């Protein structure tokens, strides 16, 4: 084949090759677009590493393009126990069925890591979700914090402090303690979990100051996100009155809040699963989030 023939052959076959490449690129592009419409689950994603301690989360992203209203879930366990899959699993399916994106997080536990380590970790999770909103189809303007027990305390504290980088659009608080000084004073002694979390073992001047500093009610002021409190009326671990107390303070400051009592329920959504009469909280939780994160 002579050199003069080569350009003619290239000119003849180039449209064919180009057409095939374009077809393949079009197919690939369509496949990628279709993949973005499907939901996905993620496990053990590292979101922070404070002091070299890796913190991970699990996530669920719904089908569709998004962006989606999103919930960040914080487990309980008295600040000393638990993980991202402990205690809070009954909350996952209702949120999934309602079309929310959700993330459930680990945080540093006491007594090895005392206050404010866990609070800082929740704030770090909020910042991470915001920073990765595009990847996980999150609507940055429609992020809620949700926590139960000690996790309820943590989300209420982060929500009440309302710092710009970790600010959220709503807070759902399951039976969290909100006024640690009052609950400790009413009890007449410092609970072991509180001692491990705060390093407080008596109600002296330093102990009182520490309890106030770590109480969500201390930070109540006008301009906070809406709060929903869900609390069993027969809670022996965190007195039911803690939720109406916090809500009353929020309303007095001019903020929105609501208390949903679960009549006769003890402490913990896990135990609630055993009684059909306690399941109404799921409909309330989802409906309130849908209305608040519109």
C-alpha atoms as a PDB file:
ATOM      1  CA  UNK A   1       0.000   0.000   0.000  1.00  0.00           C
ATOM      2  CA  UNK A   2       1.449   3.336  -0.989  1.00  0.00           C
ATOM      3  CA  UNK A   3       1.698   6.295   1.300  1.00  0.00           C
ATOM      4  CA  UNK A   4      -0.700   8.290  -0.900  1.00  0.00           C
ATOM      5  CA  UNK A   5      -3.440   5.719  -0.320  1.00  0.00           C
ATOM      6  CA  UNK A   6      -3.400   5.927   3.485  1.00  0.00           C
ATOM      7  CA  UNK A   7      -5.164   9.297   3.848  1.00  0.00           C
ATOM      8  CA  UNK A   8      -7.967   8.154   1.537  1.00  0.00           C
ATOM      9  CA  UNK A   9      -8.572   5.016   3.644  1.00  0.00           C
ATOM     10  CA  UNK A  10      -8.579   7.038   6.847  1.00  0.00           C
ATOM     11  CA  UNK A  11     -11.055   9.481   5.358  1.00  0.00           C
ATOM     12  CA  UNK A  12     -13.303   6.591   4.262  1.00  0.00           C
ATOM     13  CA  UNK A  13     -13.400   4.773   7.604  1.00  0.00           C
ATOM     14  CA  UNK A  14     -13.110   7.703  10.047  1.00  0.00           C
ATOM     15  CA  UNK A  15     -16.874   8.462  10.002  1.00  0.00           C
ATOM     16  CA  UNK A  16     -17.603   4.798  10.769  1.00  0.00           C
ATOM     17  CA  UNK A  17     -15.188   4.701  13.705  1.00  0.00           C
ATOM     18  CA  UNK A  18     -16.378   8.100  14.946  1.00  0.00           C
ATOM     19  CA  UNK A  19     -19.987   6.987  14.740  1.00  0.00           C
ATOM     20  CA  UNK A  20     -19.277   3.859  16.769  1.00  0.00           C
ATOM     21  CA  UNK A  21     -17.417   5.876  19.397  1.00  0.00           C
ATOM     22  CA  UNK A  22     -20.250   8.369  19.643  1.00  0.00           C
ATOM     23  CA  UNK A  23     -22.796   5.578  20.022  1.00  0.00           C
ATOM     24  CA  UNK A  24     -20.759   3.989  22.783  1.00  0.00           C
ATOM     25  CA  UNK A  25     -20.322   7.309  24.554  1.00  0.00           C
ATOM     26  CA  UNK A  26     -24.058   7.943  24.289  1.00  0.00           C
ATOM     27  CA  UNK A  27     -24.826   4.522  25.769  1.00  0.00           C
ATOM     28  CA  UNK A  28     -22.352   5.106  28.593  1.00  0.00           C
ATOM     29  CA  UNK A  29     -23.801   8.542  29.306  1.00  0.00           C
ATOM     30  CA  UNK A  30     -27.331   7.146  29.404  1.00  0.00           C
ATOM     31  CA  UNK A  31     -26.205   4.367  31.736  1.00  0.00           C
ATOM     32  CA  UNK A  32     -24.588   6.851  34.102  1.00  0.00           C
ATOM     33  CA  UNK A  33     -27.695   9.032  34.110  1.00  0.00           C
ATOM     34  CA  UNK A  34     -29.894   6.002  34.800  1.00  0.00           C
ATOM     35  CA  UNK A  35     -27.586   4.893  37.621  1.00  0.00           C
ATOM     36  CA  UNK A  36     -27.966   8.295  39.274  1.00  0.00           C
ATOM     37  CA  UNK A  37     -31.712   7.694  39.502  1.00  0.00           C
ATOM     38  CA  UNK A  38     -31.402   4.574  41.610  1.00  0.00           C
ATOM     39  CA  UNK A  39     -31.052   4.488  45.377  1.00  0.00           C
ATOM     40  CA  UNK A  40     -28.015   3.146  47.165  1.00  0.00           C
ATOM     41  CA  UNK A  41     -26.819   2.113  50.594  1.00  0.00           C
ATOM     42  CA  UNK A  42     -23.371   2.921  51.943  1.00  0.00           C
ATOM     43  CA  UNK A  43     -21.587   1.390  54.916  1.00  0.00           C
ATOM     44  CA  UNK A  44     -18.666   2.422  57.106  1.00  0.00           C
ATOM     45  CA  UNK A  45     -17.910   5.686  55.332  1.00  0.00           C
ATOM     46  CA  UNK A  46     -15.370   7.728  57.281  1.00  0.00           C
ATOM     47  CA  UNK A  47     -16.585  11.278  57.921  1.00  0.00           C
ATOM     48  CA  UNK A  48     -14.047  12.518  60.484  1.00  0.00           C
ATOM     49  CA  UNK A  49     -10.863  11.464  62.268  1.00  0.00           C
ATOM     50  CA  UNK A  50     -10.503  13.599  65.404  1.00  0.00           C
ATOM     51  CA  UNK A  51      -7.246  12.881  67.193  1.00  0.00           C
ATOM     52  CA  UNK A  52      -6.682   9.956  64.861  1.00  0.00           C
ATOM     53  CA  UNK A  53      -9.961   8.241  65.848  1.00  0.00           C
ATOM     54  CA  UNK A  54     -11.857   7.210  62.677  1.00  0.00           C
ATOM     55  CA  UNK A  55     -15.574   7.981  62.816  1.00  0.00           C
ATOM     56  CA  UNK A  56     -17.861   6.262  60.331  1.00  0.00           C
ATOM     57  CA  UNK A  57     -21.427   6.455  59.121  1.00  0.00           C
ATOM     58  CA  UNK A  58     -23.916   4.395  57.120  1.00  0.00           C
ATOM     59  CA  UNK A  59     -26.195   6.053  54.588  1.00  0.00           C
ATOM     60  CA  UNK A  60     -29.269   5.428  52.509  1.00  0.00           C
ATOM     61  CA  UNK A  61     -29.960   7.452  49.347  1.00  0.00           C
ATOM     62  CA  UNK A  62     -33.405   7.125  47.707  1.00  0.00           C
ATOM     63  CA  UNK A  63     -34.181   6.459  44.051  1.00  0.00           C
ATOM     64  CA  UNK A  64     -34.444   9.522  41.862  1.00  0.00           C
ATOM     65  CA  UNK A  65     -32.422  12.589  41.003  1.00  0.00           C
ATOM     66  CA  UNK A  66     -32.915  14.446  44.266  1.00  0.00           C
ATOM     67  CA  UNK A  67     -31.852  16.492  46.037  1.00  0.00           C
ATOM     68  CA  UNK A  68     -33.670  14.930  48.965  1.00  0.00           C
ATOM     69  CA  UNK A  69     -34.703  16.024  52.423  1.00  0.00           C
ATOM     70  CA  UNK A  70     -32.183  14.368  54.728  1.00  0.00           C
ATOM     71  CA  UNK A  71     -31.998  13.082  58.297  1.00  0.00           C
ATOM     72  CA  UNK A  72     -28.808  12.552  60.314  1.00  0.00           C
ATOM     73  CA  UNK A  73     -29.457   9.962  63.054  1.00  0.00           C
ATOM     74  CA  UNK A  74     -27.560   9.892  66.369  1.00  0.00           C
ATOM     75  CA  UNK A  75     -27.804   6.806  68.588  1.00  0.00           C
ATOM     76  CA  UNK A  76     -28.235   6.694  72.338  1.00  0.00           C
ATOM     77  CA  UNK A  77     -26.544   4.585  74.990  1.00  0.00           C
ATOM     78  CA  UNK A  78     -25.997   6.963  77.894  1.00  0.00           C
ATOM     79  CA  UNK A  79     -23.034   8.598  76.093  1.00  0.00           C
ATOM     80  CA  UNK A  80     -20.971   5.499  76.938  1.00  0.00           C
ATOM     81  CA  UNK A  81     -22.446   2.710  74.777  1.00  0.00           C
ATOM     82  CA  UNK A  82     -23.906   2.108  71.338  1.00  0.00           C
ATOM     83  CA  UNK A  83     -23.028   2.600  67.712  1.00  0.00           C
ATOM     84  CA  UNK A  84     -24.633   3.690  64.434  1.00  0.00           C
ATOM     85  CA  UNK A  85     -26.674   0.464  64.228  1.00  0.00           C
ATOM     86  CA  UNK A  86     -27.650   0.201  67.902  1.00  0.00           C
ATOM     87  CA  UNK A  87     -30.956   1.406  69.388  1.00  0.00           C
ATOM     88  CA  UNK A  88     -31.961   3.479  66.331  1.00  0.00           C
ATOM     89  CA  UNK A  89     -32.680   0.764  63.747  1.00  0.00           C
ATOM     90  CA  UNK A  90     -36.503   1.070  64.102  1.00  0.00           C
ATOM     91  CA  UNK A  91     -36.171   4.581  62.653  1.00  0.00           C
ATOM     92  CA  UNK A  92     -34.538   3.490  59.398  1.00  0.00           C
ATOM     93  CA  UNK A  93     -37.458   1.896  57.546  1.00  0.00           C
ATOM     94  CA  UNK A  94     -40.036   4.654  58.121  1.00  0.00           C
ATOM     95  CA  UNK A  95     -37.549   7.218  56.793  1.00  0.00           C
ATOM     96  CA  UNK A  96     -36.691   5.009  53.814  1.00  0.00           C
ATOM     97  CA  UNK A  97     -40.351   4.407  52.984  1.00  0.00           C
ATOM     98  CA  UNK A  98     -41.025   8.152  53.139  1.00  0.00           C
ATOM     99  CA  UNK A  99     -38.273   8.935  50.635  1.00  0.00           C
ATOM    100  CA  UNK A 100     -35.732  10.604  52.917  1.00  0.00           C
ATOM    101  CA  UNK A 101     -32.005  10.302  52.522  1.00  0.00           C
ATOM    102  CA  UNK A 102     -30.548   9.375  55.895  1.00  0.00           C
ATOM    103  CA  UNK A 103     -27.207   8.951  57.610  1.00  0.00           C
ATOM    104  CA  UNK A 104     -26.574   7.164  60.907  1.00  0.00           C
ATOM    105  CA  UNK A 105     -23.333   8.034  62.662  1.00  0.00           C
ATOM    106  CA  UNK A 106     -20.810   6.858  65.214  1.00  0.00           C
ATOM    107  CA  UNK A 107     -19.310   9.291  67.716  1.00  0.00           C
ATOM    108  CA  UNK A 108     -16.654   9.113  70.411  1.00  0.00           C
ATOM    109  CA  UNK A 109     -17.912   7.582  73.645  1.00  0.00           C
ATOM    110  CA  UNK A 110     -17.258   8.452  77.278  1.00  0.00           C
ATOM    111  CA  UNK A 111     -15.459   7.973  79.586  1.00  0.00           C
ATOM    112  CA  UNK A 112     -12.494   7.704  77.217  1.00  0.00           C
ATOM    113  CA  UNK A 113     -13.732  10.782  75.364  1.00  0.00           C
ATOM    114  CA  UNK A 114     -15.602  13.215  77.566  1.00  0.00           C
ATOM    115  CA  UNK A 115     -17.751  16.203  76.675  1.00  0.00           C
ATOM    116  CA  UNK A 116     -17.607  17.999  74.291  1.00  0.00           C
ATOM    117  CA  UNK A 117     -16.106  15.238  72.082  1.00  0.00           C
ATOM    118  CA  UNK A 118     -19.465  13.668  71.132  1.00  0.00           C
ATOM    119  CA  UNK A 119     -20.986  17.088  70.466  1.00  0.00           C
ATOM    120  CA  UNK A 120     -18.073  17.997  68.214  1.00  0.00           C
ATOM    121  CA  UNK A 121     -18.536  14.707  66.337  1.00  0.00           C
ATOM    122  CA  UNK A 122     -22.213  15.382  65.607  1.00  0.00           C
ATOM    123  CA  UNK A 123     -21.272  18.830  64.311  1.00  0.00           C
ATOM    124  CA  UNK A 124     -18.565  17.262  62.159  1.00  0.00           C
ATOM    125  CA  UNK A 125     -21.136  14.864  60.692  1.00  0.00           C
ATOM    126  CA  UNK A 126     -23.441  17.743  59.747  1.00  0.00           C
ATOM    127  CA  UNK A 127     -20.577  19.565  58.058  1.00  0.00           C
ATOM    128  CA  UNK A 128     -19.529  16.411  56.190  1.00  0.00           C
ATOM    129  CA  UNK A 129     -23.046  15.751  54.902  1.00  0.00           C
ATOM    130  CA  UNK A 130     -23.269  19.341  53.697  1.00  0.00           C
ATOM    131  CA  UNK A 131     -19.856  19.106  52.023  1.00  0.00           C
ATOM    132  CA  UNK A 132     -20.851  15.855  50.269  1.00  0.00           C
ATOM    133  CA  UNK A 133     -24.403  16.903  49.421  1.00  0.00           C
ATOM    134  CA  UNK A 134     -23.926  16.487  45.671  1.00  0.00           C
ATOM    135  CA  UNK A 135     -22.494  12.989  45.970  1.00  0.00           C
ATOM    136  CA  UNK A 136     -25.358  11.748  48.172  1.00  0.00           C
ATOM    137  CA  UNK A 137     -28.184  13.784  46.577  1.00  0.00           C
ATOM    138  CA  UNK A 138     -28.743  15.790  49.773  1.00  0.00           C
ATOM    139  CA  UNK A 139     -30.647  19.054  49.855  1.00  0.00           C
ATOM    140  CA  UNK A 140     -28.382  21.198  52.050  1.00  0.00           C
ATOM    141  CA  UNK A 141     -31.334  23.393  53.027  1.00  0.00           C
ATOM    142  CA  UNK A 142     -33.439  20.445  54.211  1.00  0.00           C
ATOM    143  CA  UNK A 143     -31.282  18.589  56.734  1.00  0.00           C
ATOM    144  CA  UNK A 144     -32.691  17.445  60.079  1.00  0.00           C
ATOM    145  CA  UNK A 145     -30.955  16.004  63.121  1.00  0.00           C
ATOM    146  CA  UNK A 146     -32.617  13.073  64.884  1.00  0.00           C
ATOM    147  CA  UNK A 147     -31.426  11.366  68.057  1.00  0.00           C
ATOM    148  CA  UNK A 148     -32.663   9.149  70.848  1.00  0.00           C
ATOM    149  CA  UNK A 149     -31.816   9.253  74.556  1.00  0.00           C
ATOM    150  CA  UNK A 150     -28.177  10.452  74.828  1.00  0.00           C
ATOM    151  CA  UNK A 151     -28.398  11.006  71.076  1.00  0.00           C
ATOM    152  CA  UNK A 152     -31.493  13.114  71.714  1.00  0.00           C
ATOM    153  CA  UNK A 153     -29.453  15.233  74.088  1.00  0.00           C
ATOM    154  CA  UNK A 154     -26.689  15.617  71.499  1.00  0.00           C
ATOM    155  CA  UNK A 155     -28.961  16.648  68.625  1.00  0.00           C
ATOM    156  CA  UNK A 156     -30.858  19.065  70.887  1.00  0.00           C
ATOM    157  CA  UNK A 157     -27.575  20.612  72.008  1.00  0.00           C
ATOM    158  CA  UNK A 158     -26.231  20.990  68.471  1.00  0.00           C
ATOM    159  CA  UNK A 159     -29.587  22.306  67.298  1.00  0.00           C
ATOM    160  CA  UNK A 160     -29.810  24.810  70.147  1.00  0.00           C
ATOM    161  CA  UNK A 161     -26.243  26.033  69.735  1.00  0.00           C
ATOM    162  CA  UNK A 162     -27.152  26.593  66.088  1.00  0.00           C
ATOM    163  CA  UNK A 163     -23.631  27.313  64.840  1.00  0.00           C
ATOM    164  CA  UNK A 164     -23.507  28.386  61.181  1.00  0.00           C
ATOM    165  CA  UNK A 165     -21.396  25.441  59.949  1.00  0.00           C
ATOM    166  CA  UNK A 166     -23.539  22.811  61.706  1.00  0.00           C
ATOM    167  CA  UNK A 167     -26.907  24.548  61.478  1.00  0.00           C
ATOM    168  CA  UNK A 168     -29.838  22.312  60.513  1.00  0.00           C
ATOM    169  CA  UNK A 169     -33.413  22.913  59.398  1.00  0.00           C
ATOM    170  CA  UNK A 170     -35.113  20.754  62.058  1.00  0.00           C
ATOM    171  CA  UNK A 171     -34.487  18.600  65.134  1.00  0.00           C
ATOM    172  CA  UNK A 172     -36.335  15.435  66.170  1.00  0.00           C
ATOM    173  CA  UNK A 173     -35.475  14.539  69.743  1.00  0.00           C
ATOM    174  CA  UNK A 174     -36.530  11.212  71.254  1.00  0.00           C
ATOM    175  CA  UNK A 175     -36.608  11.349  75.075  1.00  0.00           C
ATOM    176  CA  UNK A 176     -33.374  13.283  75.462  1.00  0.00           C
ATOM    177  CA  UNK A 177     -32.360  15.022  78.704  1.00  0.00           C
ATOM    178  CA  UNK A 178     -32.406  18.791  78.164  1.00  0.00           C
ATOM    179  CA  UNK A 179     -31.827  20.291  81.605  1.00  0.00           C
ATOM    180  CA  UNK A 180     -29.089  18.214  83.194  1.00  0.00           C
ATOM    181  CA  UNK A 181     -28.877  20.462  86.238  1.00  0.00           C
ATOM    182  CA  UNK A 182     -32.586  20.090  87.037  1.00  0.00           C
ATOM    183  CA  UNK A 183     -32.650  16.319  86.489  1.00  0.00           C
ATOM    184  CA  UNK A 184     -29.540  15.899  88.653  1.00  0.00           C
ATOM    185  CA  UNK A 185     -30.878  18.189  91.372  1.00  0.00           C
ATOM    186  CA  UNK A 186     -34.238  16.405  91.371  1.00  0.00           C
ATOM    187  CA  UNK A 187     -32.457  13.083  91.692  1.00  0.00           C
ATOM    188  CA  UNK A 188     -30.232  14.342  94.518  1.00  0.00           C
ATOM    189  CA  UNK A 189     -27.090  12.775  93.055  1.00  0.00           C
ATOM    190  CA  UNK A 190     -25.091  12.639  89.853  1.00  0.00           C
ATOM    191  CA  UNK A 191     -25.856   9.608  87.695  1.00  0.00           C
ATOM    192  CA  UNK A 192     -22.862   7.444  86.748  1.00  0.00           C
ATOM    193  CA  UNK A 193     -23.386   8.105  83.029  1.00  0.00           C
ATOM    194  CA  UNK A 194     -23.330  11.844  83.601  1.00  0.00           C
ATOM    195  CA  UNK A 195     -20.121  11.499  85.626  1.00  0.00           C
ATOM    196  CA  UNK A 196     -18.479   9.557  82.814  1.00  0.00           C
ATOM    197  CA  UNK A 197     -19.699  11.995  80.176  1.00  0.00           C
ATOM    198  CA  UNK A 198     -19.014  15.282  81.957  1.00  0.00           C
ATOM    199  CA  UNK A 199     -16.484  14.390  84.642  1.00  0.00           C
ATOM    200  CA  UNK A 200     -18.906  15.725  87.254  1.00  0.00           C
ATOM    201  CA  UNK A 201     -19.445  13.748  90.459  1.00  0.00           C
ATOM    202  CA  UNK A 202     -21.005  16.317  92.774  1.00  0.00           C
ATOM    203  CA  UNK A 203     -23.150  19.422  92.720  1.00  0.00           C
ATOM    204  CA  UNK A 204     -20.497  21.903  93.713  1.00  0.00           C
ATOM    205  CA  UNK A 205     -19.930  25.204  91.900  1.00  0.00           C
ATOM    206  CA  UNK A 206     -17.831  23.607  89.150  1.00  0.00           C
ATOM    207  CA  UNK A 207     -20.273  20.729  88.740  1.00  0.00           C
ATOM    208  CA  UNK A 208     -23.260  23.057  88.433  1.00  0.00           C
ATOM    209  CA  UNK A 209     -21.462  25.156  85.813  1.00  0.00           C
ATOM    210  CA  UNK A 210     -20.567  22.034  83.835  1.00  0.00           C
ATOM    211  CA  UNK A 211     -24.134  20.703  83.925  1.00  0.00           C
ATOM    212  CA  UNK A 212     -25.464  24.020  82.705  1.00  0.00           C
ATOM    213  CA  UNK A 213     -22.887  24.222  79.922  1.00  0.00           C
ATOM    214  CA  UNK A 214     -23.875  20.783  78.600  1.00  0.00           C
ATOM    215  CA  UNK A 215     -27.650  21.360  78.805  1.00  0.00           C
ATOM    216  CA  UNK A 216     -29.524  22.196  75.588  1.00  0.00           C
ATOM    217  CA  UNK A 217     -31.959  24.410  77.496  1.00  0.00           C
ATOM    218  CA  UNK A 218     -29.100  26.786  78.338  1.00  0.00           C
ATOM    219  CA  UNK A 219     -28.784  27.824  74.681  1.00  0.00           C
ATOM    220  CA  UNK A 220     -32.445  28.471  73.908  1.00  0.00           C
ATOM    221  CA  UNK A 221     -33.021  31.769  72.148  1.00  0.00           C
ATOM    222  CA  UNK A 222     -35.039  33.125  69.276  1.00  0.00           C
ATOM    223  CA  UNK A 223     -34.082  31.909  65.805  1.00  0.00           C
ATOM    224  CA  UNK A 224     -33.591  28.191  66.447  1.00  0.00           C
ATOM    225  CA  UNK A 225     -34.848  25.465  64.075  1.00  0.00           C
ATOM    226  CA  UNK A 226     -38.193  23.764  64.768  1.00  0.00           C
ATOM    227  CA  UNK A 227     -38.064  20.931  67.318  1.00  0.00           C
ATOM    228  CA  UNK A 228     -40.218  17.827  67.635  1.00  0.00           C
ATOM    229  CA  UNK A 229     -39.977  15.995  70.962  1.00  0.00           C
ATOM    230  CA  UNK A 230     -41.178  12.376  71.111  1.00  0.00           C
ATOM    231  CA  UNK A 231     -41.263  10.923  74.615  1.00  0.00           C
ATOM    232  CA  UNK A 232     -42.862   7.998  76.397  1.00  0.00           C
ATOM    233  CA  UNK A 233     -44.991   9.067  79.334  1.00  0.00           C
ATOM    234  CA  UNK A 234     -43.727   6.159  81.454  1.00  0.00           C
ATOM    235  CA  UNK A 235     -40.028   6.757  80.817  1.00  0.00           C
ATOM    236  CA  UNK A 236     -38.083   5.739  83.921  1.00  0.00           C
ATOM    237  CA  UNK A 237     -34.661   6.700  82.526  1.00  0.00           C
ATOM    238  CA  UNK A 238     -35.325  10.269  81.335  1.00  0.00           C
ATOM    239  CA  UNK A 239     -38.387  11.855  82.976  1.00  0.00           C
ATOM    240  CA  UNK A 240     -41.104  12.777  80.493  1.00  0.00           C
ATOM    241  CA  UNK A 241     -41.187  16.310  81.881  1.00  0.00           C
ATOM    242  CA  UNK A 242     -37.816  17.042  80.286  1.00  0.00           C
ATOM    243  CA  UNK A 243     -39.428  17.352  76.841  1.00  0.00           C
ATOM    244  CA  UNK A 244     -42.295  19.726  77.731  1.00  0.00           C
ATOM    245  CA  UNK A 245     -39.794  21.748  79.776  1.00  0.00           C
ATOM    246  CA  UNK A 246     -37.546  22.290  76.751  1.00  0.00           C
ATOM    247  CA  UNK A 247     -40.482  22.968  74.439  1.00  0.00           C
ATOM    248  CA  UNK A 248     -41.918  25.565  76.794  1.00  0.00           C
ATOM    249  CA  UNK A 249     -38.556  27.364  76.856  1.00  0.00           C
ATOM    250  CA  UNK A 250     -38.410  27.319  73.049  1.00  0.00           C
ATOM    251  CA  UNK A 251     -41.924  28.703  72.704  1.00  0.00           C
ATOM    252  CA  UNK A 252     -41.186  31.422  75.247  1.00  0.00           C
ATOM    253  CA  UNK A 253     -38.202  32.446  73.104  1.00  0.00           C
ATOM    254  CA  UNK A 254     -40.409  32.576  70.007  1.00  0.00           C
ATOM    255  CA  UNK A 255     -39.322  29.287  68.421  1.00  0.00           C
ATOM    256  CA  UNK A 256     -41.466  26.472  67.021  1.00  0.00           C
ATOM    257  CA  UNK A 257     -41.720  23.148  68.814  1.00  0.00           C
ATOM    258  CA  UNK A 258     -44.108  20.313  69.526  1.00  0.00           C
ATOM    259  CA  UNK A 259     -44.219  17.464  72.036  1.00  0.00           C
ATOM    260  CA  UNK A 260     -45.659  14.121  70.944  1.00  0.00           C
ATOM    261  CA  UNK A 261     -46.302  11.947  74.007  1.00  0.00           C
ATOM    262  CA  UNK A 262     -46.294   8.180  73.526  1.00  0.00           C
ATOM    263  CA  UNK A 263     -48.857   7.231  76.148  1.00  0.00           C
ATOM    264  CA  UNK A 264     -47.646   4.548  78.524  1.00  0.00           C
ATOM    265  CA  UNK A 265     -44.363   3.944  76.683  1.00  0.00           C
ATOM    266  CA  UNK A 266     -41.089   3.258  78.514  1.00  0.00           C
ATOM    267  CA  UNK A 267     -37.621   4.395  77.443  1.00  0.00           C
ATOM    268  CA  UNK A 268     -36.396   3.335  73.996  1.00  0.00           C
ATOM    269  CA  UNK A 269     -37.812   2.868  70.505  1.00  0.00           C
ATOM    270  CA  UNK A 270     -36.522  -0.721  70.641  1.00  0.00           C
ATOM    271  CA  UNK A 271     -38.943  -1.682  73.419  1.00  0.00           C
ATOM    272  CA  UNK A 272     -41.666   0.316  71.651  1.00  0.00           C
ATOM    273  CA  UNK A 273     -41.431  -2.089  68.701  1.00  0.00           C
ATOM    274  CA  UNK A 274     -42.941  -4.819  70.858  1.00  0.00           C
ATOM    275  CA  UNK A 275     -46.195  -2.914  71.372  1.00  0.00           C
ATOM    276  CA  UNK A 276     -48.424  -1.955  68.419  1.00  0.00           C
ATOM    277  CA  UNK A 277     -50.025   0.765  70.546  1.00  0.00           C
ATOM    278  CA  UNK A 278     -46.751   2.711  70.564  1.00  0.00           C
ATOM    279  CA  UNK A 279     -46.239   2.762  66.788  1.00  0.00           C
ATOM    280  CA  UNK A 280     -48.109   5.992  66.127  1.00  0.00           C
ATOM    281  CA  UNK A 281     -44.879   7.920  66.669  1.00  0.00           C
ATOM    282  CA  UNK A 282     -43.604   6.777  63.240  1.00  0.00           C
ATOM    283  CA  UNK A 283     -46.457   8.437  61.369  1.00  0.00           C
ATOM    284  CA  UNK A 284     -46.023  11.567  63.472  1.00  0.00           C
ATOM    285  CA  UNK A 285     -42.252  11.632  62.920  1.00  0.00           C
ATOM    286  CA  UNK A 286     -42.544  11.260  59.142  1.00  0.00           C
ATOM    287  CA  UNK A 287     -45.466  13.670  58.786  1.00  0.00           C
ATOM    288  CA  UNK A 288     -43.771  16.347  60.877  1.00  0.00           C
ATOM    289  CA  UNK A 289     -40.530  16.029  58.903  1.00  0.00           C
ATOM    290  CA  UNK A 290     -42.339  16.202  55.589  1.00  0.00           C
ATOM    291  CA  UNK A 291     -44.203  19.346  56.655  1.00  0.00           C
ATOM    292  CA  UNK A 292     -41.153  20.991  58.217  1.00  0.00           C
ATOM    293  CA  UNK A 293     -38.638  20.158  55.462  1.00  0.00           C
ATOM    294  CA  UNK A 294     -40.839  21.260  52.551  1.00  0.00           C
END
